[in-house]
Protein backbone atom coordinates (compact mmCIF):
# COMPACT_ATOMS: atom_id res chain seq x y z
CA MET A 1 0.00 0.00 0.00
CA PRO A 2 1.47 3.40 -0.98
CA HIS A 3 2.33 5.79 1.83
CA THR A 4 2.57 9.56 2.02
CA ASP A 5 4.73 11.56 4.39
CA PRO A 6 2.90 11.43 7.76
CA LEU A 7 3.80 15.07 8.35
CA ARG A 8 1.51 15.96 5.45
CA ASN A 9 -1.44 14.66 7.46
CA PRO A 10 -2.65 17.45 9.79
CA THR A 11 -3.47 15.10 12.69
CA LEU A 12 -0.18 13.23 12.51
CA LYS A 13 1.78 16.46 12.17
CA LYS A 14 0.18 17.77 15.36
CA ILE A 15 1.04 14.52 17.16
CA HIS A 16 4.62 14.70 15.91
CA ASP A 17 4.95 18.34 16.92
CA VAL A 18 3.66 17.61 20.44
CA GLY A 19 5.91 14.56 20.47
CA ILE A 20 3.94 12.55 23.02
CA VAL A 21 0.50 10.95 23.28
CA LEU A 22 -1.16 10.55 26.67
CA VAL A 23 -2.53 6.99 26.91
CA VAL A 24 -5.49 7.04 29.30
CA ARG A 25 -6.45 3.86 31.17
CA ALA A 26 -8.66 5.42 33.85
CA GLU A 27 -10.90 3.18 35.93
CA LYS A 28 -13.87 5.52 35.62
CA ALA A 29 -14.93 8.65 33.79
CA ASP A 30 -15.71 11.46 36.21
CA GLU A 31 -14.89 15.11 36.82
CA THR A 32 -11.45 14.12 38.14
CA LEU A 33 -10.61 12.52 34.78
CA PHE A 34 -11.55 15.67 32.87
CA SER A 35 -9.60 17.86 35.32
CA ALA A 36 -6.56 15.61 34.84
CA LEU A 37 -6.82 15.75 31.05
CA GLY A 38 -7.13 19.52 31.17
CA ALA A 39 -4.09 19.83 33.43
CA ILE A 40 -1.95 17.59 31.20
CA ALA A 41 -3.05 19.45 28.08
CA GLU A 42 -2.19 22.72 29.78
CA GLY A 43 1.33 21.37 30.23
CA GLY A 44 1.61 20.92 26.47
CA VAL A 45 0.62 17.27 26.02
CA LYS A 46 -2.40 17.90 23.84
CA ALA A 47 -2.52 14.48 22.18
CA ILE A 48 -4.87 12.26 24.19
CA GLU A 49 -5.71 8.61 23.54
CA ILE A 50 -8.75 7.23 25.35
CA THR A 51 -8.36 3.45 25.46
CA PHE A 52 -11.15 0.93 25.21
CA SER A 53 -10.07 -0.39 28.59
CA VAL A 54 -11.78 2.70 30.06
CA PRO A 55 -15.38 1.81 30.99
CA ASP A 56 -17.86 3.08 28.40
CA ALA A 57 -14.97 4.36 26.31
CA VAL A 58 -17.12 5.61 23.42
CA SER A 59 -19.10 7.84 25.77
CA VAL A 60 -15.86 9.15 27.31
CA ILE A 61 -14.44 9.92 23.87
CA ARG A 62 -17.63 11.82 23.04
CA GLN A 63 -17.47 13.80 26.29
CA VAL A 64 -13.79 14.67 25.82
CA ALA A 65 -14.50 15.78 22.25
CA GLU A 66 -17.36 18.00 23.44
CA ARG A 67 -15.41 19.50 26.34
CA PHE A 68 -12.05 20.10 24.72
CA GLY A 69 -12.82 20.35 21.01
CA ASP A 70 -9.81 21.40 18.94
CA ASP A 71 -7.76 22.10 22.07
CA VAL A 72 -6.71 18.43 22.09
CA ILE A 73 -5.81 15.85 19.45
CA LEU A 74 -8.21 13.10 20.44
CA GLY A 75 -7.74 9.45 19.55
CA ALA A 76 -8.96 6.01 20.55
CA GLY A 77 -6.66 3.29 21.86
CA THR A 78 -6.78 -0.45 22.44
CA VAL A 79 -8.98 -0.67 19.35
CA LEU A 80 -9.19 -4.42 18.74
CA ASN A 81 -11.95 -4.68 16.13
CA PRO A 82 -13.49 -2.67 13.28
CA SER A 83 -16.75 -1.94 15.10
CA ASP A 84 -14.89 -0.22 17.96
CA ALA A 85 -12.95 1.83 15.42
CA VAL A 86 -16.16 2.98 13.74
CA ALA A 87 -17.81 3.81 17.08
CA ALA A 88 -14.77 5.73 18.32
CA VAL A 89 -14.46 7.85 15.19
CA GLY A 90 -18.21 8.48 15.28
CA ALA A 91 -17.78 9.78 18.83
CA GLY A 92 -15.01 12.17 17.86
CA ALA A 93 -11.72 10.24 17.75
CA THR A 94 -9.41 11.55 15.03
CA TYR A 95 -6.97 8.62 15.02
CA VAL A 96 -6.99 4.96 16.00
CA VAL A 97 -4.33 3.06 17.97
CA SER A 98 -4.06 -0.68 18.66
CA PRO A 99 -1.66 -2.84 20.68
CA ASN A 100 -1.62 -5.36 17.83
CA THR A 101 -1.87 -5.44 14.04
CA ASN A 102 -5.38 -6.17 12.81
CA VAL A 103 -5.66 -5.62 9.06
CA GLU A 104 -9.43 -5.16 9.34
CA VAL A 105 -9.00 -2.31 11.82
CA ILE A 106 -6.38 -0.75 9.54
CA GLY A 107 -8.72 -1.09 6.58
CA VAL A 108 -11.73 0.50 8.26
CA ALA A 109 -9.60 3.38 9.56
CA LYS A 110 -8.33 4.02 6.03
CA ARG A 111 -11.86 4.00 4.66
CA MET A 112 -12.91 6.52 7.32
CA GLY A 113 -9.92 8.70 6.48
CA VAL A 114 -8.31 8.69 9.93
CA PRO A 115 -4.68 7.83 10.75
CA VAL A 116 -4.11 4.38 12.20
CA MET A 117 -1.28 3.21 14.46
CA PRO A 118 -1.29 -0.56 14.97
CA GLY A 119 1.06 -2.25 17.40
CA ALA A 120 4.07 -4.38 16.50
CA PHE A 121 7.33 -5.48 18.11
CA THR A 122 9.52 -7.50 15.72
CA PRO A 123 10.85 -6.39 12.31
CA THR A 124 8.43 -8.77 10.60
CA GLU A 125 5.46 -7.37 12.54
CA VAL A 126 6.53 -3.77 11.90
CA VAL A 127 6.81 -4.33 8.14
CA THR A 128 3.54 -6.29 8.06
CA ALA A 129 1.71 -3.45 9.82
CA TYR A 130 3.22 -0.82 7.55
CA ASN A 131 2.50 -2.78 4.37
CA ALA A 132 -1.11 -3.22 5.54
CA GLY A 133 -1.48 0.57 5.62
CA ALA A 134 -0.28 1.73 9.05
CA ASP A 135 0.53 5.44 9.10
CA VAL A 136 2.70 5.05 12.20
CA VAL A 137 3.63 1.74 13.83
CA LYS A 138 3.25 1.61 17.60
CA ILE A 139 6.22 -0.29 19.05
CA PHE A 140 4.70 -2.18 21.96
CA PRO A 141 5.66 -3.08 24.60
CA ALA A 142 8.61 -0.72 24.25
CA SER A 143 9.60 -1.41 27.86
CA VAL A 144 10.91 -4.82 26.83
CA GLY A 145 13.62 -3.66 24.43
CA GLY A 146 13.92 -0.01 25.40
CA PRO A 147 15.47 2.68 23.18
CA GLY A 148 18.06 0.17 21.95
CA HIS A 149 15.36 -1.99 20.40
CA LEU A 150 13.81 1.02 18.66
CA LYS A 151 17.21 2.11 17.32
CA ALA A 152 17.84 -1.40 16.02
CA LEU A 153 14.46 -1.45 14.25
CA ARG A 154 15.05 1.98 12.74
CA GLY A 155 18.36 0.82 11.25
CA PRO A 156 16.93 -1.23 8.38
CA LEU A 157 13.48 0.44 8.50
CA PRO A 158 14.16 4.21 8.64
CA HIS A 159 11.20 4.93 6.33
CA ILE A 160 8.65 3.57 8.82
CA PRO A 161 7.46 6.08 11.47
CA MET A 162 7.45 4.43 14.89
CA MET A 163 5.85 5.36 18.21
CA PRO A 164 7.25 3.47 21.21
CA THR A 165 4.65 2.95 23.93
CA GLY A 166 5.05 1.26 27.31
CA GLY A 167 8.09 2.08 29.41
CA VAL A 168 8.16 5.75 28.41
CA ASN A 169 9.13 7.84 31.44
CA LEU A 170 11.24 10.88 32.31
CA GLU A 171 14.41 8.78 32.03
CA THR A 172 13.63 7.09 28.70
CA ALA A 173 11.75 9.84 26.84
CA ALA A 174 14.84 11.58 25.44
CA PRO A 175 16.66 8.32 24.54
CA PHE A 176 13.58 7.09 22.64
CA ILE A 177 13.42 10.37 20.69
CA LYS A 178 17.14 10.20 19.93
CA ALA A 179 16.66 6.60 18.78
CA GLY A 180 14.32 7.89 16.07
CA ALA A 181 10.81 7.87 17.53
CA PHE A 182 8.17 9.74 15.54
CA ALA A 183 6.42 10.41 18.86
CA LEU A 184 6.02 8.67 22.21
CA GLY A 185 3.07 7.02 23.92
CA ALA A 186 2.99 7.46 27.70
CA GLY A 187 0.50 6.03 30.17
CA GLY A 188 0.81 5.77 33.95
CA ASN A 189 4.13 7.61 34.13
CA LEU A 190 2.39 10.72 32.78
CA TYR A 191 -1.18 10.07 33.93
CA ASP A 192 0.16 10.02 37.48
CA LYS A 193 -2.53 8.53 39.71
CA LYS A 194 -0.88 9.74 42.91
CA LEU A 195 -0.95 13.35 41.74
CA ILE A 196 -4.52 12.91 40.53
CA ALA A 197 -5.70 11.27 43.76
CA SER A 198 -4.23 14.13 45.80
CA GLY A 199 -5.80 16.74 43.52
CA ASP A 200 -2.38 18.11 42.57
CA PHE A 201 -3.33 19.22 39.07
CA ALA A 202 -0.63 21.91 39.03
CA GLY A 203 1.86 19.09 39.62
CA LEU A 204 0.33 17.21 36.70
CA THR A 205 0.72 20.25 34.44
CA ALA A 206 4.35 20.59 35.52
CA LEU A 207 4.98 16.89 34.85
CA ALA A 208 3.52 17.17 31.34
CA LYS A 209 5.70 20.20 30.65
CA ARG A 210 8.80 18.26 31.71
CA TYR A 211 8.04 15.62 29.07
CA VAL A 212 7.44 18.25 26.39
CA ASP A 213 10.69 20.04 27.29
CA LEU A 214 12.67 16.78 27.31
CA ILE A 215 11.38 15.91 23.83
CA ALA A 216 12.15 19.38 22.46
CA GLU A 217 15.68 19.23 23.90
CA ALA A 218 16.26 15.71 22.55
CA ARG A 219 15.21 16.88 19.09
CA GLY A 220 17.74 19.67 19.35
């Protein structure tokens, strides 16, 4: 399948420019969740991925879309089947992310005109995902191989944009970027439940800004 430069796609360019996607695996959708998302966005992490592991994920995606509008780059994660992809985009998701490579999910995302980022880990999986139409390949779980694994993959496959997810923290963010990441996916290390539980939303904003600054510095 032919590919165009991902930076020519407005959604993917915004994700690349931010450099990091917040992966949300909240246990419930309430006012605290929306306060946390707002605080993290205020810190500069405006790319938000609501995963289907969140209860009633489609409703949450719809609520986030209504509350934040164009202030965030809203996507759906842990999309395991085409029907979830369709529902998520219908609710306001502008890109689709999966932990695995499902060619049917890739196909439906392409037909809906939204970027798709399926998960892969080995060279064979990465190439399979890209050849099936992936715009960016999510390297998952990136915690297993770390930045060295990403760098090794990028060696023979420099034309494939990759987004390591899992194991991204304040120590690994810059090394992943220097290893050639298109952007990063960060979950619990950014969506800090201790800060959220204590209502320290200013601390959450500051944490998000640290990630954004680290990425900018790593890019030079």
